[in-house]
Amino acid sequence: MNPIIAVLKENNVSDAQITEVFEALTQNPMAAMTTISQLGLPQDQLQQVMAEVMQNPGLIKEAVDELGLDFSKVEAAKSQYQP
C-alpha cells in the first residue's frame, strides 16, 4: 500500500476523504495542502504526509493509480506551477 494512504488509514481517515485528498492533489496541489491539514492528523504524521506529497511526486502517481483516479490531471496541475 502507498505510504501516504497507509498513514491516512492509520489515522482513521475514510476512503472517501482519501479519495478527496488525491482528487484535490490532481486538480490543485497547493489547495490540497489545506485539505490534508484539516484531516486531524497528529503533527508529526501531518508533517510526514506533507513532506511525502511535496518531495515525492512518484508516490502521488502511485496513490492516484491505486485509487483509480486520473494522473493526467496531476501533470496538468504541475505545469501551472512551473515557470
N, C-alpha and C. Protein backbone atom coordinates (compact mmCIF):
# COMPACT_ATOMS: atom_id res chain seq x y z
N MET A 1 0.84 -1.19 0.00
CA MET A 1 0.00 0.00 0.00
C MET A 1 0.89 1.25 0.00
N ASN A 2 0.43 2.23 -0.69
CA ASN A 2 1.12 3.52 -0.76
C ASN A 2 1.30 4.08 0.65
N PRO A 3 2.51 4.58 0.98
CA PRO A 3 2.76 5.07 2.35
C PRO A 3 1.90 6.27 2.76
N ILE A 4 1.54 7.11 1.81
CA ILE A 4 0.68 8.25 2.14
C ILE A 4 -0.71 7.72 2.51
N ILE A 5 -1.24 6.81 1.72
CA ILE A 5 -2.55 6.21 2.01
C ILE A 5 -2.48 5.46 3.34
N ALA A 6 -1.37 4.75 3.58
CA ALA A 6 -1.23 3.98 4.82
C ALA A 6 -1.31 4.89 6.05
N VAL A 7 -0.62 6.02 6.02
CA VAL A 7 -0.66 6.95 7.15
C VAL A 7 -2.08 7.48 7.35
N LEU A 8 -2.73 7.81 6.26
CA LEU A 8 -4.10 8.31 6.37
C LEU A 8 -5.03 7.26 6.97
N LYS A 9 -4.90 6.01 6.51
CA LYS A 9 -5.76 4.94 7.02
C LYS A 9 -5.46 4.65 8.50
N GLU A 10 -4.17 4.72 8.88
CA GLU A 10 -3.78 4.50 10.28
C GLU A 10 -4.48 5.51 11.20
N ASN A 11 -4.80 6.67 10.66
CA ASN A 11 -5.43 7.73 11.43
C ASN A 11 -6.93 7.80 11.19
N ASN A 12 -7.48 6.69 10.74
CA ASN A 12 -8.92 6.55 10.55
C ASN A 12 -9.52 7.57 9.59
N VAL A 13 -8.74 7.95 8.58
CA VAL A 13 -9.28 8.80 7.52
C VAL A 13 -10.07 7.89 6.59
N SER A 14 -11.29 8.28 6.30
CA SER A 14 -12.18 7.42 5.49
C SER A 14 -11.68 7.33 4.04
N ASP A 15 -12.12 6.28 3.37
CA ASP A 15 -11.78 6.12 1.95
C ASP A 15 -12.26 7.31 1.13
N ALA A 16 -13.44 7.82 1.49
CA ALA A 16 -13.97 8.99 0.76
C ALA A 16 -13.08 10.21 0.95
N GLN A 17 -12.58 10.41 2.18
CA GLN A 17 -11.68 11.54 2.43
C GLN A 17 -10.34 11.35 1.71
N ILE A 18 -9.85 10.12 1.68
CA ILE A 18 -8.59 9.84 0.98
C ILE A 18 -8.75 10.15 -0.50
N THR A 19 -9.85 9.70 -1.07
CA THR A 19 -10.11 9.99 -2.48
C THR A 19 -10.20 11.50 -2.70
N GLU A 20 -10.85 12.20 -1.79
CA GLU A 20 -10.97 13.66 -1.88
C GLU A 20 -9.60 14.33 -1.86
N VAL A 21 -8.71 13.85 -0.99
CA VAL A 21 -7.36 14.41 -0.91
C VAL A 21 -6.64 14.25 -2.24
N PHE A 22 -6.70 13.05 -2.80
CA PHE A 22 -5.96 12.81 -4.04
C PHE A 22 -6.63 13.46 -5.24
N GLU A 23 -7.94 13.62 -5.21
CA GLU A 23 -8.60 14.40 -6.27
C GLU A 23 -8.14 15.86 -6.18
N ALA A 24 -8.03 16.38 -4.96
CA ALA A 24 -7.54 17.75 -4.78
C ALA A 24 -6.10 17.87 -5.28
N LEU A 25 -5.29 16.84 -4.99
CA LEU A 25 -3.90 16.86 -5.47
C LEU A 25 -3.83 16.86 -6.99
N THR A 26 -4.79 16.19 -7.64
CA THR A 26 -4.76 16.14 -9.10
C THR A 26 -5.23 17.45 -9.71
N GLN A 27 -6.05 18.20 -8.98
CA GLN A 27 -6.61 19.43 -9.53
C GLN A 27 -5.82 20.66 -9.13
N ASN A 28 -5.38 20.73 -7.87
CA ASN A 28 -4.66 21.90 -7.38
C ASN A 28 -3.81 21.48 -6.18
N PRO A 29 -2.57 21.09 -6.44
CA PRO A 29 -1.71 20.58 -5.36
C PRO A 29 -1.55 21.54 -4.19
N MET A 30 -1.52 22.82 -4.44
CA MET A 30 -1.35 23.78 -3.34
C MET A 30 -2.60 23.80 -2.46
N ALA A 31 -3.77 23.79 -3.04
CA ALA A 31 -5.01 23.78 -2.28
C ALA A 31 -5.18 22.46 -1.53
N ALA A 32 -4.62 21.39 -2.06
CA ALA A 32 -4.72 20.08 -1.40
C ALA A 32 -4.03 20.09 -0.05
N MET A 33 -3.03 20.93 0.11
CA MET A 33 -2.33 21.02 1.40
C MET A 33 -3.30 21.45 2.50
N THR A 34 -4.22 22.34 2.18
CA THR A 34 -5.23 22.76 3.15
C THR A 34 -6.13 21.58 3.50
N THR A 35 -6.54 20.83 2.49
CA THR A 35 -7.39 19.66 2.71
C THR A 35 -6.69 18.66 3.62
N ILE A 36 -5.41 18.41 3.36
CA ILE A 36 -4.63 17.46 4.17
C ILE A 36 -4.52 17.96 5.60
N SER A 37 -4.29 19.25 5.77
CA SER A 37 -4.10 19.79 7.12
C SER A 37 -5.39 19.74 7.95
N GLN A 38 -6.54 19.60 7.30
CA GLN A 38 -7.82 19.56 8.00
C GLN A 38 -8.26 18.15 8.37
N LEU A 39 -7.42 17.16 8.14
CA LEU A 39 -7.80 15.77 8.41
C LEU A 39 -7.64 15.37 9.88
N GLY A 40 -7.04 16.24 10.69
CA GLY A 40 -6.87 15.95 12.10
C GLY A 40 -5.74 14.98 12.42
N LEU A 41 -4.73 14.92 11.54
CA LEU A 41 -3.59 14.04 11.79
C LEU A 41 -2.73 14.61 12.91
N PRO A 42 -2.08 13.74 13.70
CA PRO A 42 -1.09 14.24 14.67
C PRO A 42 0.00 15.03 13.93
N GLN A 43 0.56 16.04 14.57
CA GLN A 43 1.50 16.95 13.92
C GLN A 43 2.65 16.21 13.23
N ASP A 44 3.24 15.21 13.89
CA ASP A 44 4.37 14.51 13.29
C ASP A 44 3.96 13.76 12.01
N GLN A 45 2.78 13.16 12.02
CA GLN A 45 2.33 12.44 10.84
C GLN A 45 1.86 13.41 9.74
N LEU A 46 1.31 14.53 10.14
CA LEU A 46 0.93 15.55 9.17
C LEU A 46 2.16 16.04 8.43
N GLN A 47 3.23 16.30 9.17
CA GLN A 47 4.49 16.74 8.54
C GLN A 47 5.04 15.66 7.62
N GLN A 48 4.93 14.41 8.02
CA GLN A 48 5.41 13.30 7.19
C GLN A 48 4.63 13.24 5.87
N VAL A 49 3.31 13.34 5.95
CA VAL A 49 2.48 13.29 4.74
C VAL A 49 2.78 14.48 3.84
N MET A 50 2.88 15.68 4.43
CA MET A 50 3.18 16.89 3.64
C MET A 50 4.53 16.75 2.94
N ALA A 51 5.52 16.23 3.65
CA ALA A 51 6.86 16.06 3.06
C ALA A 51 6.80 15.08 1.90
N GLU A 52 6.09 13.97 2.08
CA GLU A 52 5.97 12.98 1.01
C GLU A 52 5.30 13.58 -0.22
N VAL A 53 4.23 14.34 0.01
CA VAL A 53 3.50 14.96 -1.09
C VAL A 53 4.39 15.93 -1.85
N MET A 54 5.15 16.74 -1.11
CA MET A 54 5.99 17.77 -1.74
C MET A 54 7.23 17.20 -2.42
N GLN A 55 7.82 16.17 -1.82
CA GLN A 55 9.13 15.71 -2.27
C GLN A 55 9.10 14.47 -3.16
N ASN A 56 7.99 13.78 -3.20
CA ASN A 56 7.98 12.52 -3.93
C ASN A 56 6.73 12.39 -4.80
N PRO A 57 6.72 13.08 -5.94
CA PRO A 57 5.54 13.00 -6.81
C PRO A 57 5.25 11.59 -7.30
N GLY A 58 6.24 10.73 -7.30
CA GLY A 58 6.02 9.34 -7.69
C GLY A 58 5.01 8.65 -6.78
N LEU A 59 5.05 9.00 -5.49
CA LEU A 59 4.09 8.42 -4.56
C LEU A 59 2.68 8.91 -4.84
N ILE A 60 2.56 10.16 -5.30
CA ILE A 60 1.24 10.68 -5.65
C ILE A 60 0.69 9.90 -6.82
N LYS A 61 1.53 9.68 -7.85
CA LYS A 61 1.07 8.92 -9.00
C LYS A 61 0.66 7.51 -8.59
N GLU A 62 1.47 6.90 -7.74
CA GLU A 62 1.18 5.55 -7.26
C GLU A 62 -0.18 5.52 -6.53
N ALA A 63 -0.41 6.50 -5.68
CA ALA A 63 -1.67 6.55 -4.93
C ALA A 63 -2.85 6.82 -5.86
N VAL A 64 -2.65 7.72 -6.80
CA VAL A 64 -3.72 8.04 -7.77
C VAL A 64 -4.08 6.79 -8.56
N ASP A 65 -3.06 6.04 -8.98
CA ASP A 65 -3.31 4.78 -9.70
C ASP A 65 -4.04 3.78 -8.80
N GLU A 66 -3.58 3.68 -7.55
CA GLU A 66 -4.18 2.74 -6.60
C GLU A 66 -5.66 3.07 -6.35
N LEU A 67 -5.97 4.37 -6.37
CA LEU A 67 -7.35 4.80 -6.14
C LEU A 67 -8.18 4.85 -7.42
N GLY A 68 -7.54 4.62 -8.58
CA GLY A 68 -8.25 4.63 -9.84
C GLY A 68 -8.60 6.02 -10.35
N LEU A 69 -7.79 7.01 -9.99
CA LEU A 69 -8.02 8.39 -10.43
C LEU A 69 -7.19 8.68 -11.68
N ASP A 70 -7.34 9.88 -12.23
CA ASP A 70 -6.70 10.27 -13.49
C ASP A 70 -5.43 11.08 -13.22
N PHE A 71 -4.24 10.47 -13.45
CA PHE A 71 -2.98 11.15 -13.17
C PHE A 71 -2.69 12.28 -14.15
N SER A 72 -3.29 12.26 -15.32
CA SER A 72 -3.03 13.33 -16.29
C SER A 72 -3.42 14.69 -15.71
N LYS A 73 -4.40 14.72 -14.79
CA LYS A 73 -4.78 15.97 -14.15
C LYS A 73 -3.66 16.48 -13.25
N VAL A 74 -2.91 15.55 -12.62
CA VAL A 74 -1.76 15.94 -11.80
C VAL A 74 -0.73 16.64 -12.68
N GLU A 75 -0.43 16.04 -13.83
CA GLU A 75 0.55 16.63 -14.74
C GLU A 75 0.11 18.01 -15.21
N ALA A 76 -1.15 18.17 -15.52
CA ALA A 76 -1.67 19.46 -15.95
C ALA A 76 -1.56 20.49 -14.83
N ALA A 77 -1.87 20.08 -13.62
CA ALA A 77 -1.78 21.00 -12.47
C ALA A 77 -0.34 21.39 -12.21
N LYS A 78 0.59 20.42 -12.31
CA LYS A 78 2.00 20.72 -12.09
C LYS A 78 2.49 21.75 -13.08
N SER A 79 2.07 21.66 -14.32
CA SER A 79 2.55 22.59 -15.35
C SER A 79 2.09 24.01 -15.06
N GLN A 80 0.99 24.17 -14.34
CA GLN A 80 0.52 25.51 -13.99
C GLN A 80 1.44 26.20 -13.00
N TYR A 81 2.20 25.41 -12.21
CA TYR A 81 3.04 25.97 -11.15
C TYR A 81 4.49 26.07 -11.53
N GLN A 82 4.85 25.62 -12.71
CA GLN A 82 6.25 25.69 -13.13
C GLN A 82 6.44 26.92 -14.01
N PRO A 83 7.53 27.68 -13.74
CA PRO A 83 7.76 28.90 -14.53
C PRO A 83 8.11 28.60 -15.98
